[in-house]
Amino acid sequence: ELAAPVAHIWFLKSLPSRISTLLDIQLKDLEKILYFESYVATDPGLSSLTKNEILSEDEYQKAQDEYGEDSFTASIGSEAVQKMLSEIQLVELQNSLRAELVNCNSEAKRKKIVK
């Protein structure tokens, strides 16, 4: 058992990135989270932040000052990605994507759904 979660490079860097596709986050933002450059709001709580909002170090500190340290939860690194992935309801996501694919008329949107 590892002391901390890790993100395997194949799931991160392969195009399209499996992790960024599942989380619906741009690859560059996902890399910032994994490489400890940015925080992600995993639970916006009482703040005006949105779930999975990317925060720089300065934005994170400002949000803590403005809303208080216990008013929201933001994480960084692979622990944050693990938490976001664990919150995905795969069966619901599968059903909604299949329904969306049936009703989709746009070729670009169809390609995104299939990924």
C-alpha atoms as a PDB file:
ATOM      1  CA  GLU A   1       0.000   0.000   0.000  1.00  0.00           C
ATOM      2  CA  LEU A   2       1.333   3.422  -0.960  1.00  0.00           C
ATOM      3  CA  ALA A   3       1.571   6.227   1.581  1.00  0.00           C
ATOM      4  CA  ALA A   4      -0.141   8.635  -0.831  1.00  0.00           C
ATOM      5  CA  PRO A   5      -2.214   8.210  -4.004  1.00  0.00           C
ATOM      6  CA  VAL A   6      -0.455   8.562  -7.344  1.00  0.00           C
ATOM      7  CA  ALA A   7      -1.654   9.262 -10.884  1.00  0.00           C
ATOM      8  CA  HIS A   8      -0.097   7.028 -13.505  1.00  0.00           C
ATOM      9  CA  ILE A   9       1.405   8.911 -16.440  1.00  0.00           C
ATOM     10  CA  TRP A  10      -0.416   6.693 -18.978  1.00  0.00           C
ATOM     11  CA  PHE A  11      -3.801   7.831 -17.708  1.00  0.00           C
ATOM     12  CA  LEU A  12      -2.690  11.446 -17.536  1.00  0.00           C
ATOM     13  CA  LYS A  13      -0.648  12.005 -20.684  1.00  0.00           C
ATOM     14  CA  SER A  14      -2.245   9.627 -23.182  1.00  0.00           C
ATOM     15  CA  LEU A  15      -4.361  11.586 -25.619  1.00  0.00           C
ATOM     16  CA  PRO A  16      -7.143  12.017 -24.898  1.00  0.00           C
ATOM     17  CA  SER A  17      -6.293  12.013 -21.203  1.00  0.00           C
ATOM     18  CA  ARG A  18      -8.537   9.465 -19.496  1.00  0.00           C
ATOM     19  CA  ILE A  19      -8.505  11.355 -16.203  1.00  0.00           C
ATOM     20  CA  SER A  20      -9.154  14.815 -17.632  1.00  0.00           C
ATOM     21  CA  THR A  21     -11.950  13.435 -19.826  1.00  0.00           C
ATOM     22  CA  LEU A  22     -13.638  11.739 -16.857  1.00  0.00           C
ATOM     23  CA  LEU A  23     -13.331  14.856 -14.697  1.00  0.00           C
ATOM     24  CA  ASP A  24     -14.173  17.225 -17.571  1.00  0.00           C
ATOM     25  CA  ILE A  25     -11.099  19.326 -16.755  1.00  0.00           C
ATOM     26  CA  GLN A  26      -8.536  20.594 -19.234  1.00  0.00           C
ATOM     27  CA  LEU A  27      -5.297  18.617 -19.195  1.00  0.00           C
ATOM     28  CA  LYS A  28      -3.207  21.691 -18.309  1.00  0.00           C
ATOM     29  CA  ASP A  29      -5.404  22.363 -15.252  1.00  0.00           C
ATOM     30  CA  LEU A  30      -5.200  18.721 -14.194  1.00  0.00           C
ATOM     31  CA  GLU A  31      -1.405  18.861 -14.459  1.00  0.00           C
ATOM     32  CA  LYS A  32      -1.358  21.983 -12.269  1.00  0.00           C
ATOM     33  CA  ILE A  33      -3.329  20.116  -9.605  1.00  0.00           C
ATOM     34  CA  LEU A  34      -1.157  16.996  -9.776  1.00  0.00           C
ATOM     35  CA  TYR A  35       2.121  18.948  -9.791  1.00  0.00           C
ATOM     36  CA  PHE A  36       1.056  21.011  -6.736  1.00  0.00           C
ATOM     37  CA  GLU A  37       0.755  24.281  -8.669  1.00  0.00           C
ATOM     38  CA  SER A  38      -2.998  24.823  -8.174  1.00  0.00           C
ATOM     39  CA  TYR A  39      -5.731  23.853  -5.750  1.00  0.00           C
ATOM     40  CA  VAL A  40      -9.157  22.545  -6.699  1.00  0.00           C
ATOM     41  CA  ALA A  41     -12.324  23.265  -4.729  1.00  0.00           C
ATOM     42  CA  THR A  42     -13.581  19.794  -3.843  1.00  0.00           C
ATOM     43  CA  ASP A  43     -16.367  21.079  -1.579  1.00  0.00           C
ATOM     44  CA  PRO A  44     -17.390  24.728  -2.029  1.00  0.00           C
ATOM     45  CA  GLY A  45     -19.328  24.669   1.245  1.00  0.00           C
ATOM     46  CA  LEU A  46     -20.456  28.154   2.310  1.00  0.00           C
ATOM     47  CA  SER A  47     -18.274  30.015  -0.194  1.00  0.00           C
ATOM     48  CA  SER A  48     -19.155  31.316  -3.656  1.00  0.00           C
ATOM     49  CA  LEU A  49     -16.631  28.908  -5.193  1.00  0.00           C
ATOM     50  CA  THR A  50     -17.895  26.229  -7.557  1.00  0.00           C
ATOM     51  CA  LYS A  51     -17.142  22.535  -7.307  1.00  0.00           C
ATOM     52  CA  ASN A  52     -13.898  21.630  -9.137  1.00  0.00           C
ATOM     53  CA  GLU A  53     -12.948  25.304  -9.519  1.00  0.00           C
ATOM     54  CA  ILE A  54      -9.192  25.683 -10.048  1.00  0.00           C
ATOM     55  CA  LEU A  55      -7.478  28.082  -7.634  1.00  0.00           C
ATOM     56  CA  SER A  56      -3.946  29.448  -7.740  1.00  0.00           C
ATOM     57  CA  GLU A  57      -2.046  29.709  -4.464  1.00  0.00           C
ATOM     58  CA  ASP A  58      -2.974  33.413  -4.198  1.00  0.00           C
ATOM     59  CA  GLU A  59      -6.650  32.752  -4.996  1.00  0.00           C
ATOM     60  CA  TYR A  60      -6.710  29.960  -2.404  1.00  0.00           C
ATOM     61  CA  GLN A  61      -5.234  32.220   0.293  1.00  0.00           C
ATOM     62  CA  LYS A  62      -7.626  35.039  -0.626  1.00  0.00           C
ATOM     63  CA  ALA A  63     -10.620  32.667  -0.469  1.00  0.00           C
ATOM     64  CA  GLN A  64      -9.514  31.420   2.951  1.00  0.00           C
ATOM     65  CA  ASP A  65      -9.223  35.000   4.189  1.00  0.00           C
ATOM     66  CA  GLU A  66     -12.588  35.968   2.705  1.00  0.00           C
ATOM     67  CA  TYR A  67     -14.683  32.907   3.615  1.00  0.00           C
ATOM     68  CA  GLY A  68     -12.731  31.398   6.513  1.00  0.00           C
ATOM     69  CA  GLU A  69     -10.626  28.264   6.603  1.00  0.00           C
ATOM     70  CA  ASP A  70     -13.515  25.936   7.448  1.00  0.00           C
ATOM     71  CA  SER A  71     -16.084  27.311   4.997  1.00  0.00           C
ATOM     72  CA  PHE A  72     -14.858  25.308   1.974  1.00  0.00           C
ATOM     73  CA  THR A  73     -12.517  22.447   1.128  1.00  0.00           C
ATOM     74  CA  ALA A  74      -9.805  22.716  -1.497  1.00  0.00           C
ATOM     75  CA  SER A  75      -7.219  20.047  -2.186  1.00  0.00           C
ATOM     76  CA  ILE A  76      -4.032  19.704  -4.170  1.00  0.00           C
ATOM     77  CA  GLY A  77      -2.067  16.823  -5.677  1.00  0.00           C
ATOM     78  CA  SER A  78      -3.168  13.305  -6.443  1.00  0.00           C
ATOM     79  CA  GLU A  79      -5.306  13.205  -3.277  1.00  0.00           C
ATOM     80  CA  ALA A  80      -7.537  15.867  -4.849  1.00  0.00           C
ATOM     81  CA  VAL A  81      -7.810  13.924  -8.104  1.00  0.00           C
ATOM     82  CA  GLN A  82      -8.570  10.713  -6.217  1.00  0.00           C
ATOM     83  CA  LYS A  83     -11.346  12.471  -4.286  1.00  0.00           C
ATOM     84  CA  MET A  84     -12.882  13.900  -7.479  1.00  0.00           C
ATOM     85  CA  LEU A  85     -12.718  10.520  -9.227  1.00  0.00           C
ATOM     86  CA  SER A  86     -14.277   8.724  -6.260  1.00  0.00           C
ATOM     87  CA  GLU A  87     -17.273  11.096  -6.370  1.00  0.00           C
ATOM     88  CA  ILE A  88     -18.170  10.167  -9.946  1.00  0.00           C
ATOM     89  CA  GLN A  89     -21.289   8.012 -10.153  1.00  0.00           C
ATOM     90  CA  LEU A  90     -20.209   5.804 -13.052  1.00  0.00           C
ATOM     91  CA  VAL A  91     -23.545   4.096 -13.720  1.00  0.00           C
ATOM     92  CA  GLU A  92     -25.397   7.420 -13.765  1.00  0.00           C
ATOM     93  CA  LEU A  93     -22.703   8.955 -15.976  1.00  0.00           C
ATOM     94  CA  GLN A  94     -22.899   6.016 -18.383  1.00  0.00           C
ATOM     95  CA  ASN A  95     -26.688   6.246 -18.641  1.00  0.00           C
ATOM     96  CA  SER A  96     -26.709  10.015 -19.147  1.00  0.00           C
ATOM     97  CA  LEU A  97     -23.967   9.840 -21.803  1.00  0.00           C
ATOM     98  CA  ARG A  98     -25.820   7.120 -23.708  1.00  0.00           C
ATOM     99  CA  ALA A  99     -29.045   9.124 -23.589  1.00  0.00           C
ATOM    100  CA  GLU A 100     -27.185  12.257 -24.684  1.00  0.00           C
ATOM    101  CA  LEU A 101     -25.564  10.345 -27.549  1.00  0.00           C
ATOM    102  CA  VAL A 102     -28.958   9.196 -28.857  1.00  0.00           C
ATOM    103  CA  ASN A 103     -30.323  12.762 -28.830  1.00  0.00           C
ATOM    104  CA  CYS A 104     -27.160  14.463 -30.111  1.00  0.00           C
ATOM    105  CA  ASN A 105     -27.199  16.119 -33.544  1.00  0.00           C
ATOM    106  CA  SER A 106     -23.775  17.786 -33.428  1.00  0.00           C
ATOM    107  CA  GLU A 107     -20.846  15.753 -34.750  1.00  0.00           C
ATOM    108  CA  ALA A 108     -18.360  17.559 -32.471  1.00  0.00           C
ATOM    109  CA  LYS A 109     -20.463  16.864 -29.393  1.00  0.00           C
ATOM    110  CA  ARG A 110     -20.916  13.245 -30.467  1.00  0.00           C
ATOM    111  CA  LYS A 111     -17.114  12.815 -30.653  1.00  0.00           C
ATOM    112  CA  LYS A 112     -16.682  14.327 -27.198  1.00  0.00           C
ATOM    113  CA  ILE A 113     -19.310  11.999 -25.710  1.00  0.00           C
ATOM    114  CA  VAL A 114     -17.723   8.930 -27.321  1.00  0.00           C
ATOM    115  CA  LYS A 115     -14.318   9.783 -25.814  1.00  0.00           C
END
